[in-house]
Amino acid sequence: MEKEEKKFFQTFGKLSLSHKLSLLPIKNMETKKKLISEVVNKNLSVRQLEDLKAELKIPSERKVSLLGLLNDPEKLTSDDEMNKAFDF
């Protein structure tokens, strides 16, 4: 593995689960890498990350909230619901 890729994985590993969930819907890897670096370098909160995504006009593409899934366990275990939620 290249040195740069190892550094990226280490940086990604420093993120909280909430940060990772916020970044999950972003499909463009270069954009995702830049946002991950910003979060780690500037110690951004999830709210600040969401604000940064809004500034960059990156929509929050999640179709289902995590809380919504937890409140409805049938959706949480449904492959169809998960596919719709995360475009698998």
PDB file of N, CA and C in Angstrom:
ATOM      1  N   MET A   1       0.847  -1.176   0.000  1.00  0.00           N
ATOM      2  CA  MET A   1       0.000   0.000   0.000  1.00  0.00           C
ATOM      3  C   MET A   1       0.893   1.239   0.000  1.00  0.00           C
ATOM      4  N   GLU A   2       0.508   2.227  -0.782  1.00  0.00           N
ATOM      5  CA  GLU A   2       1.300   3.438  -0.865  1.00  0.00           C
ATOM      6  C   GLU A   2       1.255   4.220   0.445  1.00  0.00           C
ATOM      7  N   LYS A   3       2.285   5.014   0.649  1.00  0.00           N
ATOM      8  CA  LYS A   3       2.397   5.800   1.873  1.00  0.00           C
ATOM      9  C   LYS A   3       1.196   6.733   2.058  1.00  0.00           C
ATOM     10  N   GLU A   4       0.767   7.380   0.975  1.00  0.00           N
ATOM     11  CA  GLU A   4      -0.358   8.315   1.046  1.00  0.00           C
ATOM     12  C   GLU A   4      -1.652   7.602   1.435  1.00  0.00           C
ATOM     13  N   GLU A   5      -1.870   6.408   0.889  1.00  0.00           N
ATOM     14  CA  GLU A   5      -3.078   5.650   1.218  1.00  0.00           C
ATOM     15  C   GLU A   5      -3.067   5.216   2.682  1.00  0.00           C
ATOM     16  N   LYS A   6      -1.919   4.819   3.195  1.00  0.00           N
ATOM     17  CA  LYS A   6      -1.825   4.444   4.606  1.00  0.00           C
ATOM     18  C   LYS A   6      -2.165   5.627   5.493  1.00  0.00           C
ATOM     19  N   LYS A   7      -1.664   6.800   5.120  1.00  0.00           N
ATOM     20  CA  LYS A   7      -1.933   8.011   5.900  1.00  0.00           C
ATOM     21  C   LYS A   7      -3.433   8.317   5.886  1.00  0.00           C
ATOM     22  N   PHE A   8      -4.069   8.147   4.727  1.00  0.00           N
ATOM     23  CA  PHE A   8      -5.507   8.405   4.625  1.00  0.00           C
ATOM     24  C   PHE A   8      -6.283   7.475   5.540  1.00  0.00           C
ATOM     25  N   PHE A   9      -5.969   6.190   5.538  1.00  0.00           N
ATOM     26  CA  PHE A   9      -6.681   5.236   6.390  1.00  0.00           C
ATOM     27  C   PHE A   9      -6.473   5.565   7.867  1.00  0.00           C
ATOM     28  N   GLN A  10      -5.288   6.001   8.237  1.00  0.00           N
ATOM     29  CA  GLN A  10      -5.036   6.389   9.624  1.00  0.00           C
ATOM     30  C   GLN A  10      -5.862   7.618   9.993  1.00  0.00           C
ATOM     31  N   THR A  11      -5.944   8.567   9.053  1.00  0.00           N
ATOM     32  CA  THR A  11      -6.730   9.774   9.281  1.00  0.00           C
ATOM     33  C   THR A  11      -8.204   9.424   9.421  1.00  0.00           C
ATOM     34  N   PHE A  12      -8.719   8.573   8.540  1.00  0.00           N
ATOM     35  CA  PHE A  12     -10.111   8.148   8.582  1.00  0.00           C
ATOM     36  C   PHE A  12     -10.418   7.460   9.909  1.00  0.00           C
ATOM     37  N   GLY A  13      -9.483   6.695  10.416  1.00  0.00           N
ATOM     38  CA  GLY A  13      -9.665   5.978  11.672  1.00  0.00           C
ATOM     39  C   GLY A  13      -9.816   6.893  12.879  1.00  0.00           C
ATOM     40  N   LYS A  14      -9.376   8.137  12.764  1.00  0.00           N
ATOM     41  CA  LYS A  14      -9.477   9.088  13.868  1.00  0.00           C
ATOM     42  C   LYS A  14     -10.881   9.688  13.995  1.00  0.00           C
ATOM     43  N   LEU A  15     -11.711   9.502  12.995  1.00  0.00           N
ATOM     44  CA  LEU A  15     -13.045  10.091  13.003  1.00  0.00           C
ATOM     45  C   LEU A  15     -13.988   9.337  13.924  1.00  0.00           C
ATOM     46  N   SER A  16     -14.937  10.073  14.486  1.00  0.00           N
ATOM     47  CA  SER A  16     -15.969   9.433  15.297  1.00  0.00           C
ATOM     48  C   SER A  16     -16.969   8.748  14.369  1.00  0.00           C
ATOM     49  N   LEU A  17     -17.772   7.873  14.935  1.00  0.00           N
ATOM     50  CA  LEU A  17     -18.799   7.191  14.156  1.00  0.00           C
ATOM     51  C   LEU A  17     -19.770   8.203  13.540  1.00  0.00           C
ATOM     52  N   SER A  18     -20.100   9.247  14.267  1.00  0.00           N
ATOM     53  CA  SER A  18     -21.017  10.271  13.754  1.00  0.00           C
ATOM     54  C   SER A  18     -20.436  10.981  12.535  1.00  0.00           C
ATOM     55  N   HIS A  19     -19.147  11.273  12.567  1.00  0.00           N
ATOM     56  CA  HIS A  19     -18.495  11.885  11.414  1.00  0.00           C
ATOM     57  C   HIS A  19     -18.547  10.931  10.217  1.00  0.00           C
ATOM     58  N   LYS A  20     -18.253   9.667  10.477  1.00  0.00           N
ATOM     59  CA  LYS A  20     -18.258   8.681   9.386  1.00  0.00           C
ATOM     60  C   LYS A  20     -19.646   8.543   8.771  1.00  0.00           C
ATOM     61  N   LEU A  21     -20.680   8.558   9.604  1.00  0.00           N
ATOM     62  CA  LEU A  21     -22.046   8.479   9.092  1.00  0.00           C
ATOM     63  C   LEU A  21     -22.388   9.702   8.251  1.00  0.00           C
ATOM     64  N   SER A  22     -21.906  10.857   8.654  1.00  0.00           N
ATOM     65  CA  SER A  22     -22.153  12.076   7.896  1.00  0.00           C
ATOM     66  C   SER A  22     -21.475  12.031   6.526  1.00  0.00           C
ATOM     67  N   LEU A  23     -20.328  11.362   6.467  1.00  0.00           N
ATOM     68  CA  LEU A  23     -19.570  11.275   5.217  1.00  0.00           C
ATOM     69  C   LEU A  23     -20.007  10.109   4.324  1.00  0.00           C
ATOM     70  N   LEU A  24     -20.734   9.173   4.876  1.00  0.00           N
ATOM     71  CA  LEU A  24     -21.122   7.961   4.158  1.00  0.00           C
ATOM     72  C   LEU A  24     -21.780   8.209   2.801  1.00  0.00           C
ATOM     73  N   PRO A  25     -22.712   9.133   2.689  1.00  0.00           N
ATOM     74  CA  PRO A  25     -23.393   9.300   1.399  1.00  0.00           C
ATOM     75  C   PRO A  25     -22.560   9.964   0.305  1.00  0.00           C
ATOM     76  N   ILE A  26     -21.425  10.541   0.639  1.00  0.00           N
ATOM     77  CA  ILE A  26     -20.615  11.235  -0.372  1.00  0.00           C
ATOM     78  C   ILE A  26     -19.924  10.207  -1.249  1.00  0.00           C
ATOM     79  N   LYS A  27     -20.244  10.250  -2.525  1.00  0.00           N
ATOM     80  CA  LYS A  27     -19.740   9.241  -3.458  1.00  0.00           C
ATOM     81  C   LYS A  27     -18.377   9.610  -4.060  1.00  0.00           C
ATOM     82  N   ASN A  28     -18.093  10.897  -4.204  1.00  0.00           N
ATOM     83  CA  ASN A  28     -16.839  11.347  -4.793  1.00  0.00           C
ATOM     84  C   ASN A  28     -15.707  11.191  -3.773  1.00  0.00           C
ATOM     85  N   MET A  29     -14.778  10.286  -4.056  1.00  0.00           N
ATOM     86  CA  MET A  29     -13.713   9.968  -3.094  1.00  0.00           C
ATOM     87  C   MET A  29     -12.778  11.143  -2.832  1.00  0.00           C
ATOM     88  N   GLU A  30     -12.492  11.949  -3.841  1.00  0.00           N
ATOM     89  CA  GLU A  30     -11.605  13.100  -3.632  1.00  0.00           C
ATOM     90  C   GLU A  30     -12.251  14.101  -2.681  1.00  0.00           C
ATOM     91  N   THR A  31     -13.538  14.348  -2.866  1.00  0.00           N
ATOM     92  CA  THR A  31     -14.270  15.241  -1.970  1.00  0.00           C
ATOM     93  C   THR A  31     -14.286  14.672  -0.562  1.00  0.00           C
ATOM     94  N   LYS A  32     -14.537  13.372  -0.462  1.00  0.00           N
ATOM     95  CA  LYS A  32     -14.584  12.719   0.847  1.00  0.00           C
ATOM     96  C   LYS A  32     -13.228  12.820   1.548  1.00  0.00           C
ATOM     97  N   LYS A  33     -12.150  12.592   0.824  1.00  0.00           N
ATOM     98  CA  LYS A  33     -10.805  12.677   1.410  1.00  0.00           C
ATOM     99  C   LYS A  33     -10.515  14.082   1.914  1.00  0.00           C
ATOM    100  N   LYS A  34     -10.911  15.093   1.127  1.00  0.00           N
ATOM    101  CA  LYS A  34     -10.677  16.480   1.542  1.00  0.00           C
ATOM    102  C   LYS A  34     -11.453  16.803   2.811  1.00  0.00           C
ATOM    103  N   LEU A  35     -12.696  16.355   2.879  1.00  0.00           N
ATOM    104  CA  LEU A  35     -13.501  16.617   4.066  1.00  0.00           C
ATOM    105  C   LEU A  35     -12.937  15.897   5.291  1.00  0.00           C
ATOM    106  N   ILE A  36     -12.490  14.674   5.106  1.00  0.00           N
ATOM    107  CA  ILE A  36     -11.886  13.923   6.221  1.00  0.00           C
ATOM    108  C   ILE A  36     -10.660  14.657   6.750  1.00  0.00           C
ATOM    109  N   SER A  37      -9.821  15.130   5.850  1.00  0.00           N
ATOM    110  CA  SER A  37      -8.630  15.881   6.265  1.00  0.00           C
ATOM    111  C   SER A  37      -9.004  17.148   7.015  1.00  0.00           C
ATOM    112  N   GLU A  38     -10.035  17.853   6.533  1.00  0.00           N
ATOM    113  CA  GLU A  38     -10.500  19.068   7.204  1.00  0.00           C
ATOM    114  C   GLU A  38     -10.980  18.765   8.625  1.00  0.00           C
ATOM    115  N   VAL A  39     -11.758  17.708   8.754  1.00  0.00           N
ATOM    116  CA  VAL A  39     -12.301  17.337  10.064  1.00  0.00           C
ATOM    117  C   VAL A  39     -11.174  17.062  11.043  1.00  0.00           C
ATOM    118  N   VAL A  40     -10.189  16.286  10.613  1.00  0.00           N
ATOM    119  CA  VAL A  40      -9.091  15.914  11.515  1.00  0.00           C
ATOM    120  C   VAL A  40      -8.169  17.101  11.784  1.00  0.00           C
ATOM    121  N   ASN A  41      -7.788  17.828  10.729  1.00  0.00           N
ATOM    122  CA  ASN A  41      -6.839  18.935  10.894  1.00  0.00           C
ATOM    123  C   ASN A  41      -7.407  20.089  11.715  1.00  0.00           C
ATOM    124  N   LYS A  42      -8.710  20.350  11.570  1.00  0.00           N
ATOM    125  CA  LYS A  42      -9.326  21.477  12.267  1.00  0.00           C
ATOM    126  C   LYS A  42     -10.187  21.045  13.446  1.00  0.00           C
ATOM    127  N   ASN A  43     -10.186  19.739  13.728  1.00  0.00           N
ATOM    128  CA  ASN A  43     -10.958  19.191  14.845  1.00  0.00           C
ATOM    129  C   ASN A  43     -12.422  19.646  14.791  1.00  0.00           C
ATOM    130  N   LEU A  44     -13.047  19.463  13.616  1.00  0.00           N
ATOM    131  CA  LEU A  44     -14.416  19.923  13.397  1.00  0.00           C
ATOM    132  C   LEU A  44     -15.420  18.994  14.074  1.00  0.00           C
ATOM    133  N   SER A  45     -16.475  19.588  14.596  1.00  0.00           N
ATOM    134  CA  SER A  45     -17.585  18.806  15.132  1.00  0.00           C
ATOM    135  C   SER A  45     -18.427  18.301  13.960  1.00  0.00           C
ATOM    136  N   VAL A  46     -19.365  17.419  14.253  1.00  0.00           N
ATOM    137  CA  VAL A  46     -20.253  16.923  13.205  1.00  0.00           C
ATOM    138  C   VAL A  46     -21.085  18.078  12.650  1.00  0.00           C
ATOM    139  N   ARG A  47     -21.535  18.959  13.519  1.00  0.00           N
ATOM    140  CA  ARG A  47     -22.310  20.133  13.085  1.00  0.00           C
ATOM    141  C   ARG A  47     -21.480  20.992  12.134  1.00  0.00           C
ATOM    142  N   GLN A  48     -20.205  21.210  12.472  1.00  0.00           N
ATOM    143  CA  GLN A  48     -19.326  21.996  11.603  1.00  0.00           C
ATOM    144  C   GLN A  48     -19.094  21.283  10.278  1.00  0.00           C
ATOM    145  N   LEU A  49     -18.997  19.957  10.312  1.00  0.00           N
ATOM    146  CA  LEU A  49     -18.857  19.188   9.080  1.00  0.00           C
ATOM    147  C   LEU A  49     -20.096  19.355   8.209  1.00  0.00           C
ATOM    148  N   GLU A  50     -21.268  19.272   8.810  1.00  0.00           N
ATOM    149  CA  GLU A  50     -22.516  19.466   8.064  1.00  0.00           C
ATOM    150  C   GLU A  50     -22.572  20.870   7.469  1.00  0.00           C
ATOM    151  N   ASP A  51     -22.135  21.870   8.232  1.00  0.00           N
ATOM    152  CA  ASP A  51     -22.093  23.245   7.724  1.00  0.00           C
ATOM    153  C   ASP A  51     -21.126  23.365   6.551  1.00  0.00           C
ATOM    154  N   LEU A  52     -19.979  22.711   6.658  1.00  0.00           N
ATOM    155  CA  LEU A  52     -18.994  22.730   5.576  1.00  0.00           C
ATOM    156  C   LEU A  52     -19.555  22.059   4.328  1.00  0.00           C
ATOM    157  N   LYS A  53     -20.244  20.945   4.504  1.00  0.00           N
ATOM    158  CA  LYS A  53     -20.881  20.280   3.367  1.00  0.00           C
ATOM    159  C   LYS A  53     -21.901  21.202   2.716  1.00  0.00           C
ATOM    160  N   ALA A  54     -22.649  21.943   3.527  1.00  0.00           N
ATOM    161  CA  ALA A  54     -23.644  22.883   2.992  1.00  0.00           C
ATOM    162  C   ALA A  54     -22.964  24.012   2.224  1.00  0.00           C
ATOM    163  N   GLU A  55     -21.854  24.541   2.766  1.00  0.00           N
ATOM    164  CA  GLU A  55     -21.096  25.592   2.086  1.00  0.00           C
ATOM    165  C   GLU A  55     -20.596  25.120   0.733  1.00  0.00           C
ATOM    166  N   LEU A  56     -20.152  23.872   0.683  1.00  0.00           N
ATOM    167  CA  LEU A  56     -19.629  23.302  -0.560  1.00  0.00           C
ATOM    168  C   LEU A  56     -20.738  22.764  -1.460  1.00  0.00           C
ATOM    169  N   LYS A  57     -21.981  22.964  -0.988  1.00  0.00           N
ATOM    170  CA  LYS A  57     -23.156  22.500  -1.723  1.00  0.00           C
ATOM    171  C   LYS A  57     -23.158  20.985  -1.928  1.00  0.00           C
ATOM    172  N   ILE A  58     -22.723  20.285  -0.891  1.00  0.00           N
ATOM    173  CA  ILE A  58     -22.763  18.826  -0.883  1.00  0.00           C
ATOM    174  C   ILE A  58     -23.996  18.438  -0.084  1.00  0.00           C
ATOM    175  N   PRO A  59     -25.009  17.922  -0.761  1.00  0.00           N
ATOM    176  CA  PRO A  59     -26.245  17.601  -0.039  1.00  0.00           C
ATOM    177  C   PRO A  59     -26.043  16.462   0.947  1.00  0.00           C
ATOM    178  N   SER A  60     -26.801  16.507   2.010  1.00  0.00           N
ATOM    179  CA  SER A  60     -26.835  15.395   2.942  1.00  0.00           C
ATOM    180  C   SER A  60     -27.794  14.393   2.319  1.00  0.00           C
ATOM    181  N   GLU A  61     -27.252  13.372   1.692  1.00  0.00           N
ATOM    182  CA  GLU A  61     -28.031  12.481   0.843  1.00  0.00           C
ATOM    183  C   GLU A  61     -28.684  11.329   1.587  1.00  0.00           C
ATOM    184  N   ARG A  62     -28.520  11.275   2.905  1.00  0.00           N
ATOM    185  CA  ARG A  62     -29.139  10.190   3.649  1.00  0.00           C
ATOM    186  C   ARG A  62     -30.643  10.266   3.504  1.00  0.00           C
ATOM    187  N   LYS A  63     -31.261   9.172   3.111  1.00  0.00           N
ATOM    188  CA  LYS A  63     -32.703   9.139   2.929  1.00  0.00           C
ATOM    189  C   LYS A  63     -33.408   8.652   4.185  1.00  0.00           C
ATOM    190  N   VAL A  64     -32.666   8.037   5.073  1.00  0.00           N
ATOM    191  CA  VAL A  64     -33.215   7.510   6.312  1.00  0.00           C
ATOM    192  C   VAL A  64     -32.256   7.904   7.429  1.00  0.00           C
ATOM    193  N   SER A  65     -32.814   8.379   8.530  1.00  0.00           N
ATOM    194  CA  SER A  65     -31.953   8.750   9.650  1.00  0.00           C
ATOM    195  C   SER A  65     -31.624   7.509  10.478  1.00  0.00           C
ATOM    196  N   LEU A  66     -30.512   7.558  11.147  1.00  0.00           N
ATOM    197  CA  LEU A  66     -30.117   6.456  12.023  1.00  0.00           C
ATOM    198  C   LEU A  66     -31.143   6.281  13.136  1.00  0.00           C
ATOM    199  N   LEU A  67     -31.612   7.392  13.697  1.00  0.00           N
ATOM    200  CA  LEU A  67     -32.617   7.312  14.748  1.00  0.00           C
ATOM    201  C   LEU A  67     -33.901   6.673  14.226  1.00  0.00           C
ATOM    202  N   GLY A  68     -34.276   7.016  12.991  1.00  0.00           N
ATOM    203  CA  GLY A  68     -35.464   6.415  12.385  1.00  0.00           C
ATOM    204  C   GLY A  68     -35.338   4.911  12.259  1.00  0.00           C
ATOM    205  N   LEU A  69     -34.164   4.443  11.886  1.00  0.00           N
ATOM    206  CA  LEU A  69     -33.937   3.001  11.773  1.00  0.00           C
ATOM    207  C   LEU A  69     -33.968   2.322  13.140  1.00  0.00           C
ATOM    208  N   LEU A  70     -33.368   2.970  14.133  1.00  0.00           N
ATOM    209  CA  LEU A  70     -33.341   2.379  15.473  1.00  0.00           C
ATOM    210  C   LEU A  70     -34.737   2.318  16.099  1.00  0.00           C
ATOM    211  N   ASN A  71     -35.574   3.288  15.759  1.00  0.00           N
ATOM    212  CA  ASN A  71     -36.935   3.304  16.299  1.00  0.00           C
ATOM    213  C   ASN A  71     -37.853   2.310  15.603  1.00  0.00           C
ATOM    214  N   ASP A  72     -37.444   1.820  14.445  1.00  0.00           N
ATOM    215  CA  ASP A  72     -38.254   0.855  13.701  1.00  0.00           C
ATOM    216  C   ASP A  72     -37.375  -0.332  13.342  1.00  0.00           C
ATOM    217  N   PRO A  73     -37.212  -1.293  14.259  1.00  0.00           N
ATOM    218  CA  PRO A  73     -36.283  -2.411  14.054  1.00  0.00           C
ATOM    219  C   PRO A  73     -36.543  -3.212  12.777  1.00  0.00           C
ATOM    220  N   GLU A  74     -37.785  -3.258  12.309  1.00  0.00           N
ATOM    221  CA  GLU A  74     -38.053  -3.996  11.076  1.00  0.00           C
ATOM    222  C   GLU A  74     -37.326  -3.360   9.894  1.00  0.00           C
ATOM    223  N   LYS A  75     -37.249  -2.033   9.869  1.00  0.00           N
ATOM    224  CA  LYS A  75     -36.515  -1.349   8.806  1.00  0.00           C
ATOM    225  C   LYS A  75     -35.021  -1.612   8.940  1.00  0.00           C
ATOM    226  N   LEU A  76     -34.559  -1.679  10.178  1.00  0.00           N
ATOM    227  CA  LEU A  76     -33.132  -1.893  10.425  1.00  0.00           C
ATOM    228  C   LEU A  76     -32.668  -3.241   9.890  1.00  0.00           C
ATOM    229  N   THR A  77     -33.531  -4.236   9.931  1.00  0.00           N
ATOM    230  CA  THR A  77     -33.142  -5.569   9.466  1.00  0.00           C
ATOM    231  C   THR A  77     -33.602  -5.863   8.047  1.00  0.00           C
ATOM    232  N   SER A  78     -34.264  -4.914   7.410  1.00  0.00           N
ATOM    233  CA  SER A  78     -34.776  -5.117   6.060  1.00  0.00           C
ATOM    234  C   SER A  78     -33.731  -4.726   5.026  1.00  0.00           C
ATOM    235  N   ASP A  79     -33.342  -5.682   4.178  1.00  0.00           N
ATOM    236  CA  ASP A  79     -32.385  -5.388   3.112  1.00  0.00           C
ATOM    237  C   ASP A  79     -32.917  -4.321   2.174  1.00  0.00           C
ATOM    238  N   ASP A  80     -34.208  -4.378   1.852  1.00  0.00           N
ATOM    239  CA  ASP A  80     -34.797  -3.394   0.948  1.00  0.00           C
ATOM    240  C   ASP A  80     -34.689  -1.981   1.511  1.00  0.00           C
ATOM    241  N   GLU A  81     -34.996  -1.823   2.793  1.00  0.00           N
ATOM    242  CA  GLU A  81     -34.916  -0.508   3.425  1.00  0.00           C
ATOM    243  C   GLU A  81     -33.470  -0.002   3.466  1.00  0.00           C
ATOM    244  N   MET A  82     -32.527  -0.872   3.783  1.00  0.00           N
ATOM    245  CA  MET A  82     -31.129  -0.468   3.837  1.00  0.00           C
ATOM    246  C   MET A  82     -30.622  -0.102   2.443  1.00  0.00           C
ATOM    247  N   ASN A  83     -31.032  -0.846   1.426  1.00  0.00           N
ATOM    248  CA  ASN A  83     -30.635  -0.521   0.059  1.00  0.00           C
ATOM    249  C   ASN A  83     -31.168   0.837  -0.347  1.00  0.00           C
ATOM    250  N   LYS A  84     -32.416   1.125  -0.002  1.00  0.00           N
ATOM    251  CA  LYS A  84     -32.993   2.440  -0.313  1.00  0.00           C
ATOM    252  C   LYS A  84     -32.273   3.541   0.444  1.00  0.00           C
ATOM    253  N   ALA A  85     -31.950   3.287   1.687  1.00  0.00           N
ATOM    254  CA  ALA A  85     -31.344   4.302   2.523  1.00  0.00           C
ATOM    255  C   ALA A  85     -29.951   4.674   2.066  1.00  0.00           C
ATOM    256  N   PHE A  86     -29.189   3.702   1.610  1.00  0.00           N
ATOM    257  CA  PHE A  86     -27.781   3.961   1.301  1.00  0.00           C
ATOM    258  C   PHE A  86     -27.418   3.683  -0.147  1.00  0.00           C
ATOM    259  N   ASP A  87     -28.377   3.509  -1.028  1.00  0.00           N
ATOM    260  CA  ASP A  87     -28.143   3.308  -2.463  1.00  0.00           C
ATOM    261  C   ASP A  87     -27.165   2.171  -2.752  1.00  0.00           C
ATOM    262  N   PHE A  88     -27.349   1.031  -2.118  1.00  0.00           N
ATOM    263  CA  PHE A  88     -26.505  -0.130  -2.382  1.00  0.00           C
ATOM    264  C   PHE A  88     -26.934  -0.796  -3.652  1.00  0.00           C
TER     265      PHE A  88
END
